[in-house]
Amino acid sequence: MISIEEEELERDKLMKAGKLKGGLDELAGKSKSIEEGEVQEERQKVGMQADGPSIPLWVFLKYTAALQTTFREINKRLISAFGVDSSNENMRLDWEQYVSLKCFFELFTTSQDQLEDIWMKALDPRGLAQVKIDDFKDFMEKIARGAMSEEPTHVSKSFSEEMLTMLK
């Protein structure tokens, strides 16, 4: 845990020194020019000075082993189902959110009722009570395939089709 905090402090130092202006975009290879004042303002907007123990979402995404084998977009949809703004990786997870996410992704100790809510929110992020068949099949296919293959496999395609058949 200390090494993560040290890495975050190092990122902050680089950002303040003007050597890391784009934050996560720059780390991902996307150059983006942001002035230091704008960075500070953005950090205050997303609650970087949280009350109590918290970690940035980008740290959770990078260091949670269970998330390394699935598509990033699937991970973000699942994280959004917990009420976390996954569109902003500088968002900080408070202790309760962190524990809930760990229980779901790694410890598998989430209750049946919570699992139903999470999967419903992940499948239908807008809460419209309807999901397009193609969106459902794509979501299920990517879960089955994982991030190991760029193209859908026969197994992942079959899984998504069988899941749809099972739910009809």
Foldseek 3Di string as FASTA:
>chain_A
DVVLVVVVVVLVVCCQVVNDQPPPCVVVVHDDHDDSVRVVVVLVVQCVVPPADKDFQLSVCVPVPLNQFADPVLVLLLLVLLVFPSVDRRHIDHPVSVVVVCCVRPVVNDDPVSVVSSVVCSQPVPPPPDHDLVSQLVSQLRVVRTPPDPDGDPVSNVRSVVVVVVVD
